[in-house]
Amino acid sequence: MITRPDLVEAFERELIRSTPVDYERNLRIVEGLYELARAVGALPLKDPLAGIDVDIRWARAINGRRPT
């Protein structure tokens, strides 16, 4: 059990700040995730607009707008 989460968070922030950005590594990660999504059939979407009505209703609810 962590008794001082503030110290752990400060350590994590400092570690992230001191670690240089590795563009090529990040690109390999993104490409790997994309290939995984294609392998399991999540991409490409069969119908990119499927479920857009639900997304619009969620956006309206979050933004506090009423349907016209």
PDB file of N, CA and C in Angstrom:
ATOM      1  N   MET A   1       0.837  -1.173   0.000  1.00  0.00           N
ATOM      2  CA  MET A   1       0.000   0.000   0.000  1.00  0.00           C
ATOM      3  C   MET A   1       0.891   1.249   0.000  1.00  0.00           C
ATOM      4  N   ILE A   2       0.544   2.188  -0.833  1.00  0.00           N
ATOM      5  CA  ILE A   2       1.318   3.427  -0.930  1.00  0.00           C
ATOM      6  C   ILE A   2       0.817   4.392   0.139  1.00  0.00           C
ATOM      7  N   THR A   3       1.746   4.786   1.019  1.00  0.00           N
ATOM      8  CA  THR A   3       1.341   5.679   2.100  1.00  0.00           C
ATOM      9  C   THR A   3       1.506   7.150   1.737  1.00  0.00           C
ATOM     10  N   ARG A   4       2.361   7.444   0.762  1.00  0.00           N
ATOM     11  CA  ARG A   4       2.583   8.836   0.341  1.00  0.00           C
ATOM     12  C   ARG A   4       2.408   8.963  -1.175  1.00  0.00           C
ATOM     13  N   PRO A   5       1.164   8.955  -1.653  1.00  0.00           N
ATOM     14  CA  PRO A   5       0.943   9.032  -3.102  1.00  0.00           C
ATOM     15  C   PRO A   5       1.475  10.319  -3.706  1.00  0.00           C
ATOM     16  N   ASP A   6       1.547  11.398  -2.927  1.00  0.00           N
ATOM     17  CA  ASP A   6       2.070  12.647  -3.468  1.00  0.00           C
ATOM     18  C   ASP A   6       3.539  12.512  -3.851  1.00  0.00           C
ATOM     19  N   LEU A   7       4.323  11.751  -3.073  1.00  0.00           N
ATOM     20  CA  LEU A   7       5.729  11.528  -3.417  1.00  0.00           C
ATOM     21  C   LEU A   7       5.867  10.668  -4.661  1.00  0.00           C
ATOM     22  N   VAL A   8       5.009   9.667  -4.789  1.00  0.00           N
ATOM     23  CA  VAL A   8       5.048   8.797  -5.973  1.00  0.00           C
ATOM     24  C   VAL A   8       4.691   9.601  -7.211  1.00  0.00           C
ATOM     25  N   GLU A   9       3.663  10.429  -7.129  1.00  0.00           N
ATOM     26  CA  GLU A   9       3.263  11.256  -8.274  1.00  0.00           C
ATOM     27  C   GLU A   9       4.361  12.242  -8.644  1.00  0.00           C
ATOM     28  N   ALA A  10       5.014  12.831  -7.652  1.00  0.00           N
ATOM     29  CA  ALA A  10       6.121  13.753  -7.932  1.00  0.00           C
ATOM     30  C   ALA A  10       7.268  13.017  -8.611  1.00  0.00           C
ATOM     31  N   PHE A  11       7.565  11.808  -8.149  1.00  0.00           N
ATOM     32  CA  PHE A  11       8.608  11.001  -8.783  1.00  0.00           C
ATOM     33  C   PHE A  11       8.259  10.685 -10.230  1.00  0.00           C
ATOM     34  N   GLU A  12       7.012  10.274 -10.471  1.00  0.00           N
ATOM     35  CA  GLU A  12       6.579   9.945 -11.831  1.00  0.00           C
ATOM     36  C   GLU A  12       6.656  11.166 -12.742  1.00  0.00           C
ATOM     37  N   ARG A  13       6.230  12.323 -12.255  1.00  0.00           N
ATOM     38  CA  ARG A  13       6.309  13.547 -13.063  1.00  0.00           C
ATOM     39  C   ARG A  13       7.756  13.874 -13.419  1.00  0.00           C
ATOM     40  N   GLU A  14       8.656  13.758 -12.448  1.00  0.00           N
ATOM     41  CA  GLU A  14      10.067  14.048 -12.695  1.00  0.00           C
ATOM     42  C   GLU A  14      10.673  13.038 -13.662  1.00  0.00           C
ATOM     43  N   LEU A  15      10.287  11.775 -13.537  1.00  0.00           N
ATOM     44  CA  LEU A  15      10.784  10.746 -14.443  1.00  0.00           C
ATOM     45  C   LEU A  15      10.332  11.027 -15.870  1.00  0.00           C
ATOM     46  N   ILE A  16       9.071  11.383 -16.039  1.00  0.00           N
ATOM     47  CA  ILE A  16       8.554  11.702 -17.370  1.00  0.00           C
ATOM     48  C   ILE A  16       9.246  12.930 -17.927  1.00  0.00           C
ATOM     49  N   ARG A  17       9.448  13.940 -17.105  1.00  0.00           N
ATOM     50  CA  ARG A  17      10.086  15.175 -17.546  1.00  0.00           C
ATOM     51  C   ARG A  17      11.540  14.947 -17.964  1.00  0.00           C
ATOM     52  N   SER A  18      12.241  14.048 -17.259  1.00  0.00           N
ATOM     53  CA  SER A  18      13.664  13.841 -17.535  1.00  0.00           C
ATOM     54  C   SER A  18      13.922  12.839 -18.659  1.00  0.00           C
ATOM     55  N   THR A  19      12.903  12.079 -19.058  1.00  0.00           N
ATOM     56  CA  THR A  19      13.072  11.096 -20.126  1.00  0.00           C
ATOM     57  C   THR A  19      12.890  11.782 -21.476  1.00  0.00           C
ATOM     58  N   PRO A  20      13.898  11.685 -22.358  1.00  0.00           N
ATOM     59  CA  PRO A  20      13.752  12.327 -23.669  1.00  0.00           C
ATOM     60  C   PRO A  20      12.714  11.605 -24.533  1.00  0.00           C
ATOM     61  N   VAL A  21      12.108  12.350 -25.434  1.00  0.00           N
ATOM     62  CA  VAL A  21      11.105  11.800 -26.339  1.00  0.00           C
ATOM     63  C   VAL A  21      11.810  11.017 -27.436  1.00  0.00           C
ATOM     64  N   ASP A  22      11.355   9.783 -27.657  1.00  0.00           N
ATOM     65  CA  ASP A  22      11.917   8.942 -28.705  1.00  0.00           C
ATOM     66  C   ASP A  22      10.861   8.798 -29.802  1.00  0.00           C
ATOM     67  N   TYR A  23      10.972   9.641 -30.819  1.00  0.00           N
ATOM     68  CA  TYR A  23       9.964   9.687 -31.877  1.00  0.00           C
ATOM     69  C   TYR A  23       9.832   8.347 -32.579  1.00  0.00           C
ATOM     70  N   GLU A  24      10.943   7.704 -32.895  1.00  0.00           N
ATOM     71  CA  GLU A  24      10.892   6.430 -33.622  1.00  0.00           C
ATOM     72  C   GLU A  24      10.216   5.338 -32.788  1.00  0.00           C
ATOM     73  N   ARG A  25      10.498   5.306 -31.499  1.00  0.00           N
ATOM     74  CA  ARG A  25       9.853   4.318 -30.627  1.00  0.00           C
ATOM     75  C   ARG A  25       8.351   4.562 -30.581  1.00  0.00           C
ATOM     76  N   ASN A  26       7.953   5.816 -30.426  1.00  0.00           N
ATOM     77  CA  ASN A  26       6.529   6.142 -30.398  1.00  0.00           C
ATOM     78  C   ASN A  26       5.849   5.768 -31.709  1.00  0.00           C
ATOM     79  N   LEU A  27       6.539   5.996 -32.823  1.00  0.00           N
ATOM     80  CA  LEU A  27       5.985   5.640 -34.123  1.00  0.00           C
ATOM     81  C   LEU A  27       5.829   4.122 -34.244  1.00  0.00           C
ATOM     82  N   ARG A  28       6.797   3.368 -33.758  1.00  0.00           N
ATOM     83  CA  ARG A  28       6.683   1.903 -33.782  1.00  0.00           C
ATOM     84  C   ARG A  28       5.499   1.436 -32.940  1.00  0.00           C
ATOM     85  N   ILE A  29       5.266   2.077 -31.810  1.00  0.00           N
ATOM     86  CA  ILE A  29       4.136   1.710 -30.956  1.00  0.00           C
ATOM     87  C   ILE A  29       2.818   1.963 -31.676  1.00  0.00           C
ATOM     88  N   VAL A  30       2.691   3.129 -32.301  1.00  0.00           N
ATOM     89  CA  VAL A  30       1.455   3.464 -33.020  1.00  0.00           C
ATOM     90  C   VAL A  30       1.234   2.501 -34.179  1.00  0.00           C
ATOM     91  N   GLU A  31       2.292   2.199 -34.923  1.00  0.00           N
ATOM     92  CA  GLU A  31       2.152   1.261 -36.043  1.00  0.00           C
ATOM     93  C   GLU A  31       1.768  -0.131 -35.550  1.00  0.00           C
ATOM     94  N   GLY A  32       2.335  -0.547 -34.429  1.00  0.00           N
ATOM     95  CA  GLY A  32       1.982  -1.842 -33.861  1.00  0.00           C
ATOM     96  C   GLY A  32       0.528  -1.897 -33.425  1.00  0.00           C
ATOM     97  N   LEU A  33       0.054  -0.828 -32.796  1.00  0.00           N
ATOM     98  CA  LEU A  33      -1.352  -0.775 -32.386  1.00  0.00           C
ATOM     99  C   LEU A  33      -2.282  -0.791 -33.596  1.00  0.00           C
ATOM    100  N   TYR A  34      -1.871  -0.103 -34.660  1.00  0.00           N
ATOM    101  CA  TYR A  34      -2.686  -0.090 -35.878  1.00  0.00           C
ATOM    102  C   TYR A  34      -2.760  -1.488 -36.490  1.00  0.00           C
ATOM    103  N   GLU A  35      -1.625  -2.167 -36.554  1.00  0.00           N
ATOM    104  CA  GLU A  35      -1.614  -3.529 -37.109  1.00  0.00           C
ATOM    105  C   GLU A  35      -2.440  -4.474 -36.239  1.00  0.00           C
ATOM    106  N   LEU A  36      -2.373  -4.314 -34.923  1.00  0.00           N
ATOM    107  CA  LEU A  36      -3.181  -5.134 -34.032  1.00  0.00           C
ATOM    108  C   LEU A  36      -4.669  -4.890 -34.271  1.00  0.00           C
ATOM    109  N   ALA A  37      -5.050  -3.628 -34.423  1.00  0.00           N
ATOM    110  CA  ALA A  37      -6.454  -3.305 -34.684  1.00  0.00           C
ATOM    111  C   ALA A  37      -6.916  -3.911 -35.998  1.00  0.00           C
ATOM    112  N   ARG A  38      -6.055  -3.898 -36.988  1.00  0.00           N
ATOM    113  CA  ARG A  38      -6.420  -4.521 -38.268  1.00  0.00           C
ATOM    114  C   ARG A  38      -6.518  -6.030 -38.122  1.00  0.00           C
ATOM    115  N   ALA A  39      -5.619  -6.633 -37.338  1.00  0.00           N
ATOM    116  CA  ALA A  39      -5.608  -8.088 -37.165  1.00  0.00           C
ATOM    117  C   ALA A  39      -6.862  -8.593 -36.464  1.00  0.00           C
ATOM    118  N   VAL A  40      -7.372  -7.841 -35.499  1.00  0.00           N
ATOM    119  CA  VAL A  40      -8.571  -8.282 -34.778  1.00  0.00           C
ATOM    120  C   VAL A  40      -9.854  -7.832 -35.464  1.00  0.00           C
ATOM    121  N   GLY A  41      -9.732  -7.078 -36.558  1.00  0.00           N
ATOM    122  CA  GLY A  41     -10.906  -6.679 -37.332  1.00  0.00           C
ATOM    123  C   GLY A  41     -11.548  -5.387 -36.891  1.00  0.00           C
ATOM    124  N   ALA A  42     -10.889  -4.626 -36.023  1.00  0.00           N
ATOM    125  CA  ALA A  42     -11.459  -3.355 -35.584  1.00  0.00           C
ATOM    126  C   ALA A  42     -11.302  -2.275 -36.647  1.00  0.00           C
ATOM    127  N   LEU A  43     -10.304  -2.393 -37.496  1.00  0.00           N
ATOM    128  CA  LEU A  43     -10.062  -1.440 -38.584  1.00  0.00           C
ATOM    129  C   LEU A  43      -9.874  -2.210 -39.869  1.00  0.00           C
ATOM    130  N   PRO A  44     -10.246  -1.713 -40.978  1.00  0.00           N
ATOM    131  CA  PRO A  44     -11.023  -0.507 -41.220  1.00  0.00           C
ATOM    132  C   PRO A  44     -12.488  -0.735 -40.876  1.00  0.00           C
ATOM    133  N   LEU A  45     -13.153   0.350 -40.551  1.00  0.00           N
ATOM    134  CA  LEU A  45     -14.561   0.265 -40.189  1.00  0.00           C
ATOM    135  C   LEU A  45     -15.391  -0.055 -41.421  1.00  0.00           C
ATOM    136  N   LYS A  46     -16.346  -0.955 -41.237  1.00  0.00           N
ATOM    137  CA  LYS A  46     -17.212  -1.310 -42.364  1.00  0.00           C
ATOM    138  C   LYS A  46     -18.114  -0.142 -42.748  1.00  0.00           C
ATOM    139  N   ASP A  47     -18.650   0.524 -41.742  1.00  0.00           N
ATOM    140  CA  ASP A  47     -19.492   1.702 -41.969  1.00  0.00           C
ATOM    141  C   ASP A  47     -19.040   2.781 -40.986  1.00  0.00           C
ATOM    142  N   PRO A  48     -18.221   3.733 -41.444  1.00  0.00           N
ATOM    143  CA  PRO A  48     -17.665   4.732 -40.531  1.00  0.00           C
ATOM    144  C   PRO A  48     -18.721   5.583 -39.829  1.00  0.00           C
ATOM    145  N   LEU A  49     -19.906   5.712 -40.405  1.00  0.00           N
ATOM    146  CA  LEU A  49     -20.945   6.541 -39.794  1.00  0.00           C
ATOM    147  C   LEU A  49     -21.913   5.742 -38.927  1.00  0.00           C
ATOM    148  N   ALA A  50     -21.653   4.452 -38.753  1.00  0.00           N
ATOM    149  CA  ALA A  50     -22.523   3.638 -37.906  1.00  0.00           C
ATOM    150  C   ALA A  50     -22.426   4.137 -36.471  1.00  0.00           C
ATOM    151  N   GLY A  51     -23.559   4.418 -35.869  1.00  0.00           N
ATOM    152  CA  GLY A  51     -23.590   4.871 -34.489  1.00  0.00           C
ATOM    153  C   GLY A  51     -23.350   6.355 -34.308  1.00  0.00           C
ATOM    154  N   ILE A  52     -23.303   7.108 -35.394  1.00  0.00           N
ATOM    155  CA  ILE A  52     -23.052   8.550 -35.285  1.00  0.00           C
ATOM    156  C   ILE A  52     -24.177   9.250 -34.536  1.00  0.00           C
ATOM    157  N   ASP A  53     -25.412   8.721 -34.661  1.00  0.00           N
ATOM    158  CA  ASP A  53     -26.538   9.342 -33.959  1.00  0.00           C
ATOM    159  C   ASP A  53     -26.354   9.251 -32.443  1.00  0.00           C
ATOM    160  N   VAL A  54     -25.801   8.155 -31.963  1.00  0.00           N
ATOM    161  CA  VAL A  54     -25.534   8.016 -30.527  1.00  0.00           C
ATOM    162  C   VAL A  54     -24.455   9.012 -30.102  1.00  0.00           C
ATOM    163  N   ASP A  55     -23.408   9.148 -30.915  1.00  0.00           N
ATOM    164  CA  ASP A  55     -22.340  10.104 -30.602  1.00  0.00           C
ATOM    165  C   ASP A  55     -22.876  11.530 -30.544  1.00  0.00           C
ATOM    166  N   ILE A  56     -23.787  11.861 -31.450  1.00  0.00           N
ATOM    167  CA  ILE A  56     -24.365  13.207 -31.470  1.00  0.00           C
ATOM    168  C   ILE A  56     -25.212  13.438 -30.221  1.00  0.00           C
ATOM    169  N   ARG A  57     -25.995  12.432 -29.828  1.00  0.00           N
ATOM    170  CA  ARG A  57     -26.795  12.569 -28.604  1.00  0.00           C
ATOM    171  C   ARG A  57     -25.906  12.724 -27.379  1.00  0.00           C
ATOM    172  N   TRP A  58     -24.824  11.966 -27.310  1.00  0.00           N
ATOM    173  CA  TRP A  58     -23.878  12.096 -26.195  1.00  0.00           C
ATOM    174  C   TRP A  58     -23.269  13.493 -26.173  1.00  0.00           C
ATOM    175  N   ALA A  59     -22.862  13.987 -27.330  1.00  0.00           N
ATOM    176  CA  ALA A  59     -22.250  15.315 -27.396  1.00  0.00           C
ATOM    177  C   ALA A  59     -23.232  16.385 -26.948  1.00  0.00           C
ATOM    178  N   ARG A  60     -24.482  16.272 -27.363  1.00  0.00           N
ATOM    179  CA  ARG A  60     -25.489  17.248 -26.949  1.00  0.00           C
ATOM    180  C   ARG A  60     -25.730  17.185 -25.447  1.00  0.00           C
ATOM    181  N   ALA A  61     -25.752  15.977 -24.900  1.00  0.00           N
ATOM    182  CA  ALA A  61     -25.971  15.829 -23.453  1.00  0.00           C
ATOM    183  C   ALA A  61     -24.799  16.413 -22.673  1.00  0.00           C
ATOM    184  N   ILE A  62     -23.601  16.154 -23.125  1.00  0.00           N
ATOM    185  CA  ILE A  62     -22.415  16.658 -22.429  1.00  0.00           C
ATOM    186  C   ILE A  62     -22.329  18.174 -22.534  1.00  0.00           C
ATOM    187  N   ASN A  63     -22.641  18.705 -23.688  1.00  0.00           N
ATOM    188  CA  ASN A  63     -22.535  20.148 -23.895  1.00  0.00           C
ATOM    189  C   ASN A  63     -23.765  20.899 -23.413  1.00  0.00           C
ATOM    190  N   GLY A  64     -24.793  20.196 -22.979  1.00  0.00           N
ATOM    191  CA  GLY A  64     -25.969  20.841 -22.420  1.00  0.00           C
ATOM    192  C   GLY A  64     -26.885  21.459 -23.458  1.00  0.00           C
ATOM    193  N   ARG A  65     -26.848  20.960 -24.662  1.00  0.00           N
ATOM    194  CA  ARG A  65     -27.735  21.491 -25.712  1.00  0.00           C
ATOM    195  C   ARG A  65     -28.910  20.571 -25.903  1.00  0.00           C
ATOM    196  N   ARG A  66     -30.030  21.167 -26.229  1.00  0.00           N
ATOM    197  CA  ARG A  66     -31.225  20.392 -26.504  1.00  0.00           C
ATOM    198  C   ARG A  66     -31.338  20.125 -27.998  1.00  0.00           C
ATOM    199  N   PRO A  67     -31.942  18.992 -28.370  1.00  0.00           N
ATOM    200  CA  PRO A  67     -32.127  18.723 -29.799  1.00  0.00           C
ATOM    201  C   PRO A  67     -33.033  19.767 -30.447  1.00  0.00           C
ATOM    202  N   THR A  68     -32.764  20.095 -31.677  1.00  0.00           N
ATOM    203  CA  THR A  68     -33.570  21.108 -32.374  1.00  0.00           C
ATOM    204  C   THR A  68     -34.787  20.471 -33.005  1.00  0.00           C
TER     205      THR A  68
END
